[in-house]
Amino acid sequence: MDALMNIVQTILGMGAVVILPIMIFLLGIIFRMQVGAALQAGLMIGIGFQGLLLVIDLLMRCIKPVVEYYQGMGSGFTTVDIGWAALGAASWTVPFAPIVVPLIILANIVLLKAGLTKVMNVDMWNFIHFLIPGSLAYVLFDSVLLGIVVTVGLSVLTLIVSEKVAPYWEKVFGLEGTTCTCLSFITYMWPVAVVVNKIIDHIPGLNKMDLDLNNLQAKIGFFGNPAFIGLLVGILLGVITQQPFTTITMIGMGLASVLLLIPRMVAVMMEGLSPIGTAANEFMQKHVNKDTNIWIGMDVCLGLGHPACIVCTALCIPFTILLAFIIPNMSYFPIGLLTVVCYVSVMNVMASKGNIVRSLICCMVSMLLITWGANLFANEATAMINATQLKVDGLITDGFFGFNLPVIVVCILSRILG
């Protein structure tokens, strides 16, 4: 078991930038692509994903002065926000982690073969969306079997929901042949955004506001360009947080660059995904069912190419920080949570069909729920992390305890059942 654990951790230690191209290359070979074509597809996806991460890092660095401004407004936070990456890594150290990975892959293959799903989930790193609630169930209820059942069961649930999401995902973001398989966002943030949009439909005036950045650019030319909007948003953030002139220009140019570069990086990823999707569908029609088309399950970040996502991110980062001073009994400052704001925006934009006003309202509601949940379940988060190989002193929390619905359900059940 230890040897298997070491193998799994070594593979995951390479990171999604390496894992994803390998998975795509292997899928290409399985789907009878030529070796060169499969290698090129994997390489383009890896390059695009790496570029996307670099651009997101640029986003976080250029708004750092804004974050520091708000952080300096308060003190006395006793819980540490460790960030999703640390929590995800810790979840891979539970005893059953090496067992569930092959079970998840096997379940996906069996369901595809049986015609019970049309989704092939290649986003192996984001298995943490299943493994974190599974690990939490194992810790709180002291049952390895329950942890395995929860983890594998949620992987199957993800296939079901991602198939429902796929048509909306393709239509709003233009990502043909793909869908989103990030459990947290498709089972919680998306339904929440759908409900908020239904409520907006019944609010006079607000329900008539239809501001789509793509349509805006067509009407007013360069002034509707995502890069120009990023420049304006960045300058506004700098002025609001009383930054010096040089910092204001840096923030403005940073956000302008982000808004321009993210769609380019997504386009590079799609250059690799398109031939894989074509090969997958041809393979499935030939060997499984001639009427079957499949979707490749991918990370939610693929949707960040939509300009509304980054505009919502830029505006919701200071809003999320302010929540630390607004929500009663807040015990942590949401530093780690800021890194997930951009990912949360994707499902809200999708549910709002790109309408920037609706998307922003949905994002704010989502971040309120996430920030509150992460604060409420800090005790459970600490219990889970201390049961792994990552030990901590004092209380910790993470956004997964606010945006992963199964985690929230496990926490509630644990409290009810004592």
Protein backbone atom coordinates (compact mmCIF):
# COMPACT_ATOMS: atom_id res chain seq x y z
CA MET A 1 0.00 0.00 0.00
CA ASP A 2 2.86 2.38 0.85
CA ALA A 3 4.46 1.71 -2.53
CA LEU A 4 1.18 2.47 -4.30
CA MET A 5 0.77 5.62 -2.23
CA ASN A 6 4.26 6.76 -3.20
CA ILE A 7 3.49 6.18 -6.88
CA VAL A 8 0.23 8.17 -6.69
CA GLN A 9 1.86 11.04 -4.78
CA THR A 10 4.79 11.13 -7.21
CA ILE A 11 2.43 11.40 -10.18
CA LEU A 12 0.33 14.09 -8.51
CA GLY A 13 3.46 15.89 -7.40
CA MET A 14 4.19 16.64 -11.04
CA GLY A 15 1.19 18.95 -11.03
CA ALA A 16 -1.72 19.42 -13.40
CA VAL A 17 0.53 21.06 -16.01
CA VAL A 18 2.32 17.72 -16.46
CA ILE A 19 -0.49 15.31 -15.61
CA LEU A 20 -3.00 16.81 -18.06
CA PRO A 21 -0.80 16.48 -21.19
CA ILE A 22 0.08 12.90 -20.23
CA MET A 23 -3.60 12.02 -19.79
CA ILE A 24 -4.49 13.65 -23.12
CA PHE A 25 -1.64 11.85 -24.91
CA LEU A 26 -2.75 8.48 -23.51
CA LEU A 27 -6.36 9.20 -24.51
CA GLY A 28 -5.19 10.07 -28.02
CA ILE A 29 -3.42 6.70 -28.29
CA ILE A 30 -6.50 4.89 -26.95
CA PHE A 31 -8.68 6.71 -29.47
CA ARG A 32 -6.37 5.53 -32.29
CA MET A 33 -4.73 8.88 -33.06
CA GLN A 34 -1.27 8.86 -34.58
CA VAL A 35 1.47 9.17 -31.98
CA GLY A 36 2.63 12.54 -33.32
CA ALA A 37 -0.90 13.97 -33.35
CA ALA A 38 -1.62 12.71 -29.82
CA LEU A 39 1.68 14.13 -28.57
CA GLN A 40 0.95 17.50 -30.18
CA ALA A 41 -2.55 17.59 -28.64
CA GLY A 42 -1.18 16.89 -25.17
CA LEU A 43 1.63 19.41 -25.59
CA MET A 44 -0.70 22.21 -26.72
CA ILE A 45 -3.05 21.57 -23.81
CA GLY A 46 -0.13 21.57 -21.38
CA ILE A 47 1.28 24.80 -22.81
CA GLY A 48 -2.11 26.48 -22.75
CA PHE A 49 -2.75 25.37 -19.18
CA GLN A 50 0.69 26.56 -18.07
CA GLY A 51 0.06 29.90 -19.75
CA LEU A 52 -3.32 30.15 -18.03
CA LEU A 53 -1.73 29.58 -14.63
CA LEU A 54 0.91 32.22 -15.35
CA VAL A 55 -1.76 34.74 -16.32
CA ILE A 56 -3.77 33.99 -13.17
CA ASP A 57 -0.58 34.47 -11.16
CA LEU A 58 -0.17 37.84 -12.91
CA LEU A 59 -3.71 38.72 -11.86
CA MET A 60 -2.96 37.95 -8.20
CA ARG A 61 0.33 39.90 -8.28
CA CYS A 62 -1.12 43.01 -9.91
CA ILE A 63 -3.95 43.27 -7.36
CA LYS A 64 -1.66 42.54 -4.40
CA PRO A 65 -1.58 46.25 -3.38
CA VAL A 66 -5.40 46.24 -3.30
CA VAL A 67 -5.41 43.13 -1.10
CA GLU A 68 -2.83 44.63 1.26
CA TYR A 69 -4.87 47.82 1.54
CA TYR A 70 -7.94 45.95 2.74
CA GLN A 71 -5.93 43.54 4.89
CA GLY A 72 -4.52 46.48 6.80
CA MET A 73 -8.03 47.55 7.82
CA GLY A 74 -8.39 44.90 10.52
CA SER A 75 -6.67 42.43 12.84
CA GLY A 76 -7.47 39.73 15.36
CA PHE A 77 -8.17 36.87 12.93
CA THR A 78 -7.31 33.63 14.76
CA THR A 79 -8.05 31.04 12.04
CA VAL A 80 -5.63 30.49 9.18
CA ASP A 81 -6.90 30.24 5.59
CA ILE A 82 -4.46 27.64 4.23
CA GLY A 83 -5.68 27.67 0.61
CA TRP A 84 -7.15 24.90 -1.55
CA ALA A 85 -3.80 23.61 -2.83
CA ALA A 86 -2.59 22.66 0.66
CA LEU A 87 -5.91 21.04 1.58
CA GLY A 88 -6.03 19.15 -1.70
CA ALA A 89 -2.48 17.86 -1.26
CA ALA A 90 -3.27 16.76 2.30
CA SER A 91 -6.33 14.81 1.12
CA TRP A 92 -4.08 12.58 -1.01
CA THR A 93 -2.36 11.31 2.15
CA VAL A 94 -5.40 9.49 3.59
CA PRO A 95 -5.02 5.65 3.66
CA PHE A 96 -7.48 4.91 0.85
CA ALA A 97 -6.21 7.52 -1.65
CA PRO A 98 -4.27 5.00 -3.78
CA ILE A 99 -7.35 2.77 -4.00
CA VAL A 100 -9.89 5.33 -5.18
CA VAL A 101 -7.93 6.66 -8.17
CA PRO A 102 -8.12 3.41 -10.20
CA LEU A 103 -11.71 2.90 -8.99
CA ILE A 104 -12.73 6.34 -10.27
CA ILE A 105 -11.11 5.73 -13.66
CA LEU A 106 -12.61 2.23 -13.87
CA ALA A 107 -16.09 3.51 -12.99
CA ASN A 108 -15.84 6.14 -15.75
CA ILE A 109 -14.79 3.55 -18.34
CA VAL A 110 -17.53 1.09 -17.32
CA LEU A 111 -20.22 3.79 -17.46
CA LEU A 112 -18.98 4.95 -20.88
CA LYS A 113 -18.99 1.38 -22.18
CA ALA A 114 -22.49 0.79 -20.82
CA GLY A 115 -23.76 4.00 -22.41
CA LEU A 116 -24.70 5.46 -19.02
CA THR A 117 -22.53 8.55 -19.44
CA LYS A 118 -21.15 10.57 -22.33
CA VAL A 119 -18.37 12.22 -20.31
CA MET A 120 -14.72 11.16 -20.13
CA ASN A 121 -13.17 12.93 -17.14
CA VAL A 122 -9.45 13.48 -17.76
CA ASP A 123 -9.05 16.15 -15.07
CA MET A 124 -7.20 13.87 -12.65
CA TRP A 125 -5.81 16.61 -10.41
CA ASN A 126 -9.34 17.77 -9.62
CA PHE A 127 -10.19 14.36 -8.19
CA ILE A 128 -9.60 16.35 -4.99
CA HIS A 129 -13.18 17.61 -5.40
CA PHE A 130 -14.27 14.03 -4.56
CA LEU A 131 -11.38 13.11 -2.29
CA ILE A 132 -11.68 16.03 0.14
CA PRO A 133 -15.30 15.19 1.12
CA GLY A 134 -14.35 11.50 1.15
CA SER A 135 -11.41 12.23 3.44
CA LEU A 136 -13.64 14.37 5.66
CA ALA A 137 -16.21 11.56 5.93
CA TYR A 138 -13.41 9.12 6.83
CA VAL A 139 -12.11 11.44 9.57
CA LEU A 140 -15.42 12.55 11.10
CA PHE A 141 -17.07 9.11 11.01
CA ASP A 142 -13.89 7.02 11.44
CA SER A 143 -14.68 4.77 8.48
CA VAL A 144 -12.33 3.96 5.59
CA LEU A 145 -15.17 2.23 3.72
CA LEU A 146 -17.37 5.32 3.99
CA GLY A 147 -14.51 7.46 2.69
CA ILE A 148 -14.10 5.21 -0.36
CA VAL A 149 -17.84 5.10 -1.07
CA VAL A 150 -18.20 8.88 -0.78
CA THR A 151 -15.19 9.56 -3.01
CA VAL A 152 -16.08 7.13 -5.81
CA GLY A 153 -19.80 7.92 -5.55
CA LEU A 154 -19.12 11.63 -6.02
CA SER A 155 -17.00 10.90 -9.09
CA VAL A 156 -20.03 9.19 -10.64
CA LEU A 157 -22.30 12.07 -9.59
CA THR A 158 -19.88 14.43 -11.33
CA LEU A 159 -20.26 12.54 -14.61
CA ILE A 160 -24.04 12.83 -14.36
CA VAL A 161 -24.09 16.55 -13.58
CA SER A 162 -21.31 17.47 -16.03
CA GLU A 163 -23.37 15.89 -18.81
CA LYS A 164 -26.27 18.21 -17.89
CA VAL A 165 -23.90 21.17 -17.79
CA ALA A 166 -22.25 20.41 -21.15
CA PRO A 167 -24.78 22.13 -23.52
CA TYR A 168 -24.69 25.37 -21.50
CA TRP A 169 -20.90 25.17 -21.18
CA GLU A 170 -20.49 24.78 -24.94
CA LYS A 171 -22.98 27.51 -25.81
CA VAL A 172 -21.73 30.25 -23.45
CA PHE A 173 -17.99 29.61 -23.72
CA GLY A 174 -17.82 28.09 -27.22
CA LEU A 175 -15.85 25.09 -25.91
CA GLU A 176 -17.14 22.44 -28.27
CA GLY A 177 -16.62 18.83 -27.22
CA THR A 178 -15.79 19.66 -23.61
CA THR A 179 -17.60 20.04 -20.31
CA CYS A 180 -16.69 21.01 -16.76
CA THR A 181 -16.07 18.19 -14.25
CA CYS A 182 -15.16 20.29 -11.20
CA LEU A 183 -17.70 18.88 -8.75
CA SER A 184 -17.75 21.87 -6.40
CA PHE A 185 -18.75 24.37 -9.05
CA ILE A 186 -21.22 22.35 -11.12
CA THR A 187 -23.16 20.98 -8.12
CA TYR A 188 -23.27 24.13 -5.98
CA MET A 189 -22.17 27.38 -7.63
CA TRP A 190 -24.07 26.70 -10.85
CA PRO A 191 -27.42 25.84 -9.17
CA VAL A 192 -27.03 28.84 -6.84
CA ALA A 193 -26.44 31.12 -9.83
CA VAL A 194 -29.46 29.65 -11.64
CA VAL A 195 -31.66 30.40 -8.61
CA VAL A 196 -30.30 33.95 -8.29
CA ASN A 197 -31.05 34.54 -11.98
CA LYS A 198 -34.62 33.31 -11.44
CA ILE A 199 -34.99 35.84 -8.63
CA ILE A 200 -33.55 38.63 -10.81
CA ASP A 201 -36.14 37.74 -13.47
CA HIS A 202 -38.83 39.02 -11.06
CA ILE A 203 -37.12 42.29 -10.10
CA PRO A 204 -38.43 45.16 -12.29
CA GLY A 205 -35.69 47.17 -13.96
CA LEU A 206 -32.90 44.82 -12.98
CA ASN A 207 -34.40 42.04 -15.09
CA LYS A 208 -34.13 44.25 -18.18
CA MET A 209 -30.44 45.06 -17.77
CA ASP A 210 -28.59 43.10 -20.44
CA LEU A 211 -24.91 44.03 -20.48
CA ASP A 212 -22.87 41.50 -22.46
CA LEU A 213 -19.22 42.44 -23.01
CA ASN A 214 -19.12 40.80 -26.43
CA ASN A 215 -22.17 42.79 -27.60
CA LEU A 216 -20.80 45.93 -25.98
CA GLN A 217 -17.57 45.66 -27.96
CA ALA A 218 -19.53 45.29 -31.20
CA LYS A 219 -21.43 48.50 -30.45
CA ILE A 220 -18.70 50.83 -29.17
CA GLY A 221 -15.57 49.33 -30.74
CA PHE A 222 -12.28 49.49 -28.85
CA PHE A 223 -13.92 51.01 -25.76
CA GLY A 224 -15.78 47.71 -25.34
CA ASN A 225 -12.57 45.71 -25.80
CA PRO A 226 -11.86 43.45 -22.78
CA ALA A 227 -8.35 44.93 -22.48
CA PHE A 228 -9.72 48.48 -22.24
CA ILE A 229 -12.32 47.37 -19.68
CA GLY A 230 -9.54 45.70 -17.68
CA LEU A 231 -7.56 48.94 -17.76
CA LEU A 232 -10.55 50.93 -16.46
CA VAL A 233 -11.37 48.39 -13.72
CA GLY A 234 -7.73 48.31 -12.61
CA ILE A 235 -7.50 52.11 -12.44
CA LEU A 236 -10.77 52.22 -10.47
CA LEU A 237 -9.49 49.65 -7.97
CA GLY A 238 -6.26 51.60 -7.57
CA VAL A 239 -8.08 54.90 -6.97
CA ILE A 240 -10.54 53.36 -4.49
CA THR A 241 -7.70 51.85 -2.45
CA GLN A 242 -5.71 55.12 -2.52
CA GLN A 243 -2.69 53.75 -4.38
CA PRO A 244 0.10 55.99 -5.73
CA PHE A 245 -0.07 56.87 -9.41
CA THR A 246 2.61 54.38 -10.47
CA THR A 247 0.80 51.53 -8.68
CA ILE A 248 -2.53 52.53 -10.23
CA THR A 249 -1.05 52.30 -13.71
CA MET A 250 0.55 48.94 -12.85
CA ILE A 251 -2.78 47.52 -11.69
CA GLY A 252 -4.56 48.88 -14.76
CA MET A 253 -2.03 47.46 -17.22
CA GLY A 254 -1.97 44.17 -15.30
CA LEU A 255 -5.72 43.67 -15.55
CA ALA A 256 -5.71 44.77 -19.20
CA SER A 257 -3.05 42.15 -19.91
CA VAL A 258 -4.97 39.46 -18.05
CA LEU A 259 -8.20 40.14 -19.94
CA LEU A 260 -6.37 39.94 -23.25
CA LEU A 261 -4.13 36.94 -22.50
CA ILE A 262 -6.55 34.52 -20.83
CA PRO A 263 -8.69 34.01 -23.99
CA ARG A 264 -5.46 33.47 -25.96
CA MET A 265 -4.30 30.75 -23.54
CA VAL A 266 -7.70 29.05 -23.67
CA ALA A 267 -7.46 29.11 -27.47
CA VAL A 268 -4.12 27.29 -27.26
CA MET A 269 -5.71 24.63 -25.03
CA MET A 270 -8.60 24.23 -27.46
CA GLU A 271 -6.10 23.73 -30.27
CA GLY A 272 -5.10 20.54 -28.49
CA LEU A 273 -8.57 19.56 -27.29
CA SER A 274 -10.36 19.78 -30.63
CA PRO A 275 -8.55 16.85 -32.32
CA ILE A 276 -8.90 14.77 -29.14
CA GLY A 277 -12.64 15.42 -29.09
CA THR A 278 -12.97 14.49 -32.75
CA ALA A 279 -10.97 11.28 -32.26
CA ALA A 280 -12.93 10.37 -29.14
CA ASN A 281 -16.29 10.75 -30.85
CA GLU A 282 -15.16 8.77 -33.90
CA PHE A 283 -13.87 6.00 -31.62
CA MET A 284 -17.07 5.87 -29.56
CA GLN A 285 -19.29 5.79 -32.65
CA LYS A 286 -17.24 2.97 -34.12
CA HIS A 287 -16.73 0.78 -31.07
CA VAL A 288 -19.58 1.62 -28.67
CA ASN A 289 -22.59 3.32 -30.21
CA LYS A 290 -22.79 5.06 -33.55
CA ASP A 291 -25.11 7.69 -32.07
CA THR A 292 -22.82 8.45 -29.12
CA ASN A 293 -20.80 11.65 -28.85
CA ILE A 294 -18.70 12.20 -25.76
CA TRP A 295 -17.54 15.27 -23.90
CA ILE A 296 -14.04 15.59 -22.47
CA GLY A 297 -14.30 16.60 -18.80
CA MET A 298 -11.97 19.53 -18.04
CA ASP A 299 -11.02 22.03 -15.35
CA VAL A 300 -13.36 24.95 -14.71
CA CYS A 301 -10.53 27.33 -15.62
CA LEU A 302 -11.19 26.58 -19.30
CA GLY A 303 -14.17 28.93 -19.02
CA LEU A 304 -11.98 31.84 -17.95
CA GLY A 305 -11.63 32.86 -21.60
CA HIS A 306 -14.93 34.73 -21.28
CA PRO A 307 -14.18 38.43 -20.56
CA ALA A 308 -17.01 38.66 -18.01
CA CYS A 309 -15.20 36.17 -15.76
CA ILE A 310 -12.16 38.37 -15.19
CA VAL A 311 -14.21 41.55 -14.79
CA CYS A 312 -16.27 39.77 -12.10
CA THR A 313 -13.07 38.48 -10.51
CA ALA A 314 -11.51 41.93 -10.35
CA LEU A 315 -14.60 43.40 -8.70
CA CYS A 316 -15.28 40.48 -6.35
CA ILE A 317 -11.78 40.31 -4.85
CA PRO A 318 -12.20 43.55 -2.84
CA PHE A 319 -15.80 42.52 -2.08
CA THR A 320 -14.59 39.18 -0.68
CA ILE A 321 -12.02 40.94 1.48
CA LEU A 322 -14.70 43.29 2.82
CA LEU A 323 -16.77 40.26 3.81
CA ALA A 324 -14.12 39.55 6.44
CA PHE A 325 -15.27 42.72 8.20
CA ILE A 326 -19.00 42.31 7.52
CA ILE A 327 -19.84 38.67 8.34
CA PRO A 328 -20.49 38.28 12.09
CA ASN A 329 -17.88 36.36 14.11
CA MET A 330 -15.46 36.06 11.19
CA SER A 331 -12.32 34.33 12.48
CA TYR A 332 -10.11 34.36 9.36
CA PHE A 333 -8.86 36.72 6.69
CA PRO A 334 -9.63 35.22 3.25
CA ILE A 335 -6.15 35.29 1.71
CA GLY A 336 -6.33 31.73 0.34
CA LEU A 337 -9.93 32.27 -0.72
CA LEU A 338 -8.91 35.06 -3.09
CA THR A 339 -7.20 32.51 -5.35
CA VAL A 340 -10.55 30.81 -6.10
CA VAL A 341 -12.61 33.92 -6.91
CA CYS A 342 -11.78 33.64 -10.62
CA TYR A 343 -12.86 29.97 -10.72
CA VAL A 344 -16.12 30.74 -8.92
CA SER A 345 -16.93 33.38 -11.53
CA VAL A 346 -17.13 30.83 -14.37
CA MET A 347 -20.35 29.08 -13.34
CA ASN A 348 -21.98 32.41 -12.48
CA VAL A 349 -21.17 33.78 -15.92
CA MET A 350 -22.46 30.59 -17.53
CA ALA A 351 -25.77 30.71 -15.62
CA SER A 352 -26.12 34.41 -16.49
CA LYS A 353 -25.31 33.75 -20.19
CA GLY A 354 -22.53 36.34 -20.13
CA ASN A 355 -24.67 39.18 -18.76
CA ILE A 356 -22.10 41.08 -16.69
CA VAL A 357 -24.63 42.64 -14.27
CA ARG A 358 -26.28 39.32 -13.45
CA SER A 359 -22.91 37.57 -13.32
CA LEU A 360 -21.55 40.06 -10.81
CA ILE A 361 -24.61 39.74 -8.55
CA CYS A 362 -24.34 35.93 -8.69
CA CYS A 363 -20.62 36.08 -7.92
CA MET A 364 -21.21 38.25 -4.88
CA VAL A 365 -23.88 35.89 -3.56
CA SER A 366 -21.57 32.93 -4.16
CA MET A 367 -18.61 34.54 -2.39
CA LEU A 368 -20.83 35.45 0.56
CA LEU A 369 -21.92 31.80 0.93
CA ILE A 370 -18.37 30.50 0.49
CA THR A 371 -16.77 32.91 2.95
CA TRP A 372 -19.46 32.23 5.54
CA GLY A 373 -19.24 28.44 5.10
CA ALA A 374 -15.45 28.37 5.39
CA ASN A 375 -15.75 30.30 8.65
CA LEU A 376 -18.59 28.14 10.02
CA PHE A 377 -16.86 24.79 9.47
CA ALA A 378 -13.33 25.69 10.61
CA ASN A 379 -13.44 23.01 13.35
CA GLU A 380 -14.18 20.26 10.82
CA ALA A 381 -11.48 21.57 8.48
CA THR A 382 -8.96 21.46 11.32
CA ALA A 383 -9.98 17.93 12.32
CA MET A 384 -9.51 16.72 8.75
CA ILE A 385 -6.13 18.35 8.21
CA ASN A 386 -4.78 17.01 11.52
CA ALA A 387 -5.76 13.47 10.49
CA THR A 388 -3.50 13.72 7.44
CA GLN A 389 0.26 14.05 7.19
CA LEU A 390 -0.08 17.85 7.30
CA LYS A 391 -0.35 18.80 10.99
CA VAL A 392 -1.26 22.33 12.10
CA ASP A 393 -1.41 24.34 15.30
CA GLY A 394 -4.64 26.14 16.03
CA LEU A 395 -7.66 26.43 13.74
CA ILE A 396 -7.47 26.39 9.96
CA THR A 397 -10.02 26.59 7.16
CA ASP A 398 -10.29 26.66 3.38
CA GLY A 399 -12.74 27.63 0.65
CA PHE A 400 -13.62 23.96 0.03
CA PHE A 401 -15.64 24.16 3.25
CA GLY A 402 -17.72 26.86 1.62
CA PHE A 403 -17.93 25.90 -2.07
CA ASN A 404 -17.94 22.09 -2.02
CA LEU A 405 -21.54 21.01 -1.32
CA PRO A 406 -20.69 17.40 -0.28
CA VAL A 407 -18.17 18.77 2.25
CA ILE A 408 -20.89 21.00 3.70
CA VAL A 409 -23.34 18.06 3.84
CA VAL A 410 -20.79 15.83 5.62
CA CYS A 411 -20.08 18.60 8.16
CA ILE A 412 -23.79 19.11 8.86
CA LEU A 413 -24.43 15.38 9.21
CA SER A 414 -21.50 15.08 11.60
CA ARG A 415 -22.94 17.82 13.81
CA ILE A 416 -26.42 16.32 13.73
CA LEU A 417 -25.21 12.82 14.55
CA GLY A 418 -22.69 14.03 17.08
